[in-house]
Protein backbone atom coordinates (compact mmCIF):
# COMPACT_ATOMS: atom_id res chain seq x y z
CA MET A 1 -24.10 50.28 40.76
CA ILE A 2 -27.20 50.89 42.86
CA SER A 3 -28.82 47.55 43.65
CA PHE A 4 -31.50 46.24 45.99
CA ALA A 5 -28.80 44.58 48.10
CA LEU A 6 -26.98 47.93 48.48
CA LEU A 7 -30.24 49.71 49.33
CA SER A 8 -31.09 47.07 51.95
CA ALA A 9 -27.65 47.25 53.57
CA LEU A 10 -27.66 51.06 53.56
CA SER A 11 -31.21 51.25 54.97
CA THR A 12 -30.33 48.80 57.75
CA TYR A 13 -27.23 50.81 58.67
CA TYR A 14 -29.16 54.09 58.68
CA PHE A 15 -31.98 52.64 60.79
CA ILE A 16 -29.61 51.24 63.41
CA MET A 17 -27.66 54.50 63.63
CA PHE A 18 -30.70 56.79 63.68
CA VAL A 19 -32.91 54.80 66.08
CA THR A 20 -30.25 54.09 68.72
CA PRO A 21 -29.72 56.53 71.61
CA GLY A 22 -27.66 59.62 70.89
CA PRO A 23 -27.80 63.40 71.28
CA ASN A 24 -30.59 63.86 68.72
CA ASN A 25 -32.86 61.23 70.27
CA ALA A 26 -32.30 62.44 73.84
CA MET A 27 -33.18 65.98 72.74
CA LEU A 28 -36.27 64.77 70.85
CA THR A 29 -37.56 62.84 73.86
CA ALA A 30 -37.17 65.94 76.04
CA SER A 31 -38.78 68.18 73.40
CA GLY A 32 -41.69 65.77 72.84
CA MET A 33 -42.36 65.69 76.55
CA LYS A 34 -42.02 69.42 77.09
CA TYR A 35 -43.73 70.78 73.96
CA GLY A 36 -45.63 67.85 72.40
CA PHE A 37 -45.15 66.09 69.08
CA VAL A 38 -46.61 68.77 66.79
CA ARG A 39 -44.42 71.58 68.16
CA THR A 40 -41.39 69.25 67.90
CA LEU A 41 -41.97 68.71 64.13
CA PRO A 42 -39.55 71.46 63.00
CA HIS A 43 -36.86 69.81 65.14
CA LEU A 44 -37.75 66.42 63.62
CA ILE A 45 -37.52 67.79 60.07
CA GLY A 46 -34.32 69.72 60.82
CA ILE A 47 -32.34 66.58 61.74
CA PRO A 48 -32.66 64.81 58.35
CA THR A 49 -32.20 68.19 56.63
CA GLY A 50 -28.88 68.61 58.40
CA HIS A 51 -27.92 65.02 57.57
CA ILE A 52 -28.65 65.54 53.87
CA ILE A 53 -26.40 68.62 53.75
CA GLN A 54 -23.72 66.88 55.80
CA ILE A 55 -23.66 63.70 53.67
CA SER A 56 -23.60 65.81 50.50
CA LEU A 57 -20.60 67.76 51.79
CA VAL A 58 -18.76 64.55 52.70
CA CYS A 59 -19.49 63.23 49.18
CA LEU A 60 -17.95 66.43 47.83
CA GLY A 61 -14.78 65.81 49.80
CA LEU A 62 -15.28 67.48 53.18
CA GLY A 63 -14.68 64.11 54.86
CA ASN A 64 -11.02 64.38 53.81
CA LEU A 65 -10.65 67.25 56.30
CA PHE A 66 -11.30 64.84 59.16
CA ILE A 67 -8.73 62.42 57.75
CA ARG A 68 -6.09 65.15 57.36
CA PHE A 69 -6.94 66.95 60.60
CA PRO A 70 -8.25 64.39 63.12
CA GLU A 71 -8.12 67.03 65.86
CA LEU A 72 -11.26 68.59 64.28
CA GLN A 73 -13.25 65.65 65.62
CA PHE A 74 -11.93 66.39 69.12
CA TYR A 75 -13.01 70.05 68.94
CA LEU A 76 -16.47 69.01 67.73
CA LYS A 77 -16.73 66.65 70.71
CA ILE A 78 -15.86 69.49 73.10
CA ILE A 79 -18.49 71.83 71.57
CA CYS A 80 -21.13 69.09 71.56
CA PHE A 81 -20.25 68.14 75.16
CA PHE A 82 -20.82 71.67 76.48
CA TYR A 83 -23.98 72.15 74.41
CA LEU A 84 -25.47 68.93 75.82
CA LEU A 85 -24.49 70.00 79.35
CA TYR A 86 -26.33 73.27 78.75
CA LEU A 87 -29.40 71.38 77.49
CA SER A 88 -29.36 69.00 80.46
CA TRP A 89 -29.30 72.01 82.79
CA THR A 90 -32.23 73.71 81.00
CA ILE A 91 -34.36 70.54 81.26
CA LEU A 92 -34.38 70.80 85.07
CA GLY A 93 -37.53 72.63 86.11
CA SER A 94 -38.76 72.93 82.50
CA LEU A 95 -41.70 70.55 82.97
CA THR A 96 -42.76 71.45 86.50
CA LEU A 97 -42.29 75.21 86.66
CA THR A 98 -45.28 76.89 85.05
CA LYS A 99 -43.46 80.24 85.16
CA LYS A 100 -41.03 79.06 82.52
CA LYS A 101 -42.86 80.21 79.39
CA SER A 102 -39.81 81.51 77.53
CA GLY A 103 -38.66 78.06 76.37
CA ARG A 104 -39.35 76.80 72.89
CA PRO A 105 -38.51 73.74 70.80
CA LEU A 106 -35.57 73.88 68.41
CA LYS A 107 -36.32 75.48 65.05
CA LEU A 108 -35.67 73.57 61.82
CA TYR A 109 -32.43 75.40 61.02
CA GLU A 110 -31.16 75.01 64.60
CA ALA A 111 -31.70 71.23 64.51
CA ALA A 112 -30.01 71.10 61.09
CA LEU A 113 -27.02 73.13 62.33
CA PHE A 114 -26.69 70.93 65.43
CA GLN A 115 -25.69 68.03 63.16
CA PHE A 116 -22.46 69.87 62.37
CA ILE A 117 -21.30 69.67 66.00
CA ASN A 118 -22.77 66.20 66.56
CA PRO A 119 -19.93 63.63 66.36
CA LYS A 120 -22.40 60.77 65.83
CA ALA A 121 -23.83 62.55 62.79
CA TRP A 122 -20.32 63.01 61.32
CA THR A 123 -19.56 59.34 61.98
CA ILE A 124 -22.71 58.33 60.09
CA ALA A 125 -21.92 60.62 57.15
CA ILE A 126 -18.27 59.57 56.81
CA THR A 127 -19.04 55.84 57.22
CA VAL A 128 -21.88 55.96 54.69
CA VAL A 129 -19.76 57.67 52.04
CA SER A 130 -16.81 55.36 52.73
CA ALA A 131 -18.75 52.09 52.80
CA PHE A 132 -21.89 52.57 50.68
CA PHE A 133 -21.06 55.14 47.99
CA PRO A 134 -21.66 53.41 44.62
CA SER A 135 -18.50 54.76 42.96
CA GLU A 136 -19.25 53.22 39.54
CA GLU A 137 -22.53 55.18 39.43
CA ASN A 138 -22.92 58.78 38.24
CA PHE A 139 -21.60 60.99 41.06
CA TYR A 140 -24.74 63.11 41.41
CA LEU A 141 -27.06 60.11 41.22
CA ALA A 142 -24.96 58.30 43.85
CA THR A 143 -25.09 61.35 46.14
CA ILE A 144 -28.87 61.65 45.71
CA PHE A 145 -29.17 57.93 46.49
CA LEU A 146 -27.29 58.30 49.80
CA THR A 147 -29.05 61.50 50.89
CA SER A 148 -32.61 60.54 49.90
CA THR A 149 -32.27 57.16 51.63
CA ALA A 150 -31.01 58.96 54.74
CA ALA A 151 -34.04 61.26 54.75
CA LEU A 152 -36.51 58.40 54.22
CA ILE A 153 -35.04 56.28 57.02
CA CYS A 154 -34.07 59.05 59.44
CA PHE A 155 -37.45 60.75 59.88
CA PRO A 156 -39.56 57.74 60.96
CA SER A 157 -36.67 56.36 63.05
CA ILE A 158 -36.29 59.50 65.15
CA CYS A 159 -40.07 60.10 65.34
CA ILE A 160 -40.22 57.15 67.75
CA TRP A 161 -38.34 59.21 70.36
CA ALA A 162 -40.49 62.33 69.98
CA ILE A 163 -43.65 60.19 70.19
CA PHE A 164 -42.27 58.52 73.31
CA GLY A 165 -41.66 61.92 74.92
CA ASN A 166 -45.11 63.12 73.90
CA SER A 167 -46.68 59.96 75.40
CA LEU A 168 -44.98 60.65 78.72
CA ARG A 169 -46.30 64.19 78.60
CA LEU A 170 -49.88 63.05 77.99
CA TYR A 171 -50.00 60.42 80.71
CA ILE A 172 -47.98 61.98 83.51
CA ASN A 173 -49.67 64.84 85.30
CA ASN A 174 -48.19 64.38 88.77
CA THR A 175 -45.65 67.14 89.58
CA LYS A 176 -43.39 64.79 91.54
CA THR A 177 -43.29 62.30 88.65
CA LYS A 178 -42.51 65.09 86.19
CA LYS A 179 -39.66 66.19 88.45
CA ILE A 180 -38.23 62.65 88.47
CA ILE A 181 -38.47 62.47 84.66
CA GLU A 182 -36.75 65.87 84.35
CA TYR A 183 -33.81 64.52 86.35
CA ILE A 184 -33.72 61.26 84.36
CA LEU A 185 -33.67 63.16 81.04
CA ALA A 186 -31.05 65.60 82.34
CA ILE A 187 -28.87 62.71 83.57
CA LEU A 188 -29.28 60.88 80.24
CA LEU A 189 -28.13 63.97 78.35
CA PHE A 190 -25.23 64.38 80.77
CA VAL A 191 -24.22 60.72 80.29
CA THR A 192 -24.54 61.12 76.51
CA ALA A 193 -22.29 64.20 76.68
CA GLY A 194 -19.73 62.29 78.73
CA TYR A 195 -19.83 59.30 76.37
CA ILE A 196 -19.24 61.56 73.36
CA LEU A 197 -16.27 63.19 75.09
CA ILE A 198 -14.48 59.96 76.07
CA LYS A 199 -15.38 57.87 72.99
């Protein structure tokens, strides 16, 4: 049964998982700094969209695949690792080189699809369905409860990181400082990629 206590526990879990550092938040900080908050909005909306689809699929039984074939998680880690390495490489020079006009923020569907190679996102989805699914409730109502709560908590939680990136962009005009921040963001993405691989 859906209760206030369940909602509170679920909301707390979502907030902690969404607001803490991870691939999504590192990418949002970089995007906010490079393109600004408004241009990062499709990326921001795409993340909870991907989570909603992902959680729904786990509710429908996709999570059993990871239980039966644990090696799938390993392959997702490898894909995510190389994608984050690629992103960390593209960050270098992206803020300081005015020639680089070809870059663009992630589109909504790209951010949504990224969740399917993001091990942290799968961990959230599988844990939520395992620990918080109100099994005595109507299946569809229970699924809507989990997904709508995810969307409501996810968006404001991850906005913090895009706003942080945008704030850096607004207040740092020095080329040398931008270069230092590029390297910090690239290193953070690299460390995140490494953490995902060895976790």
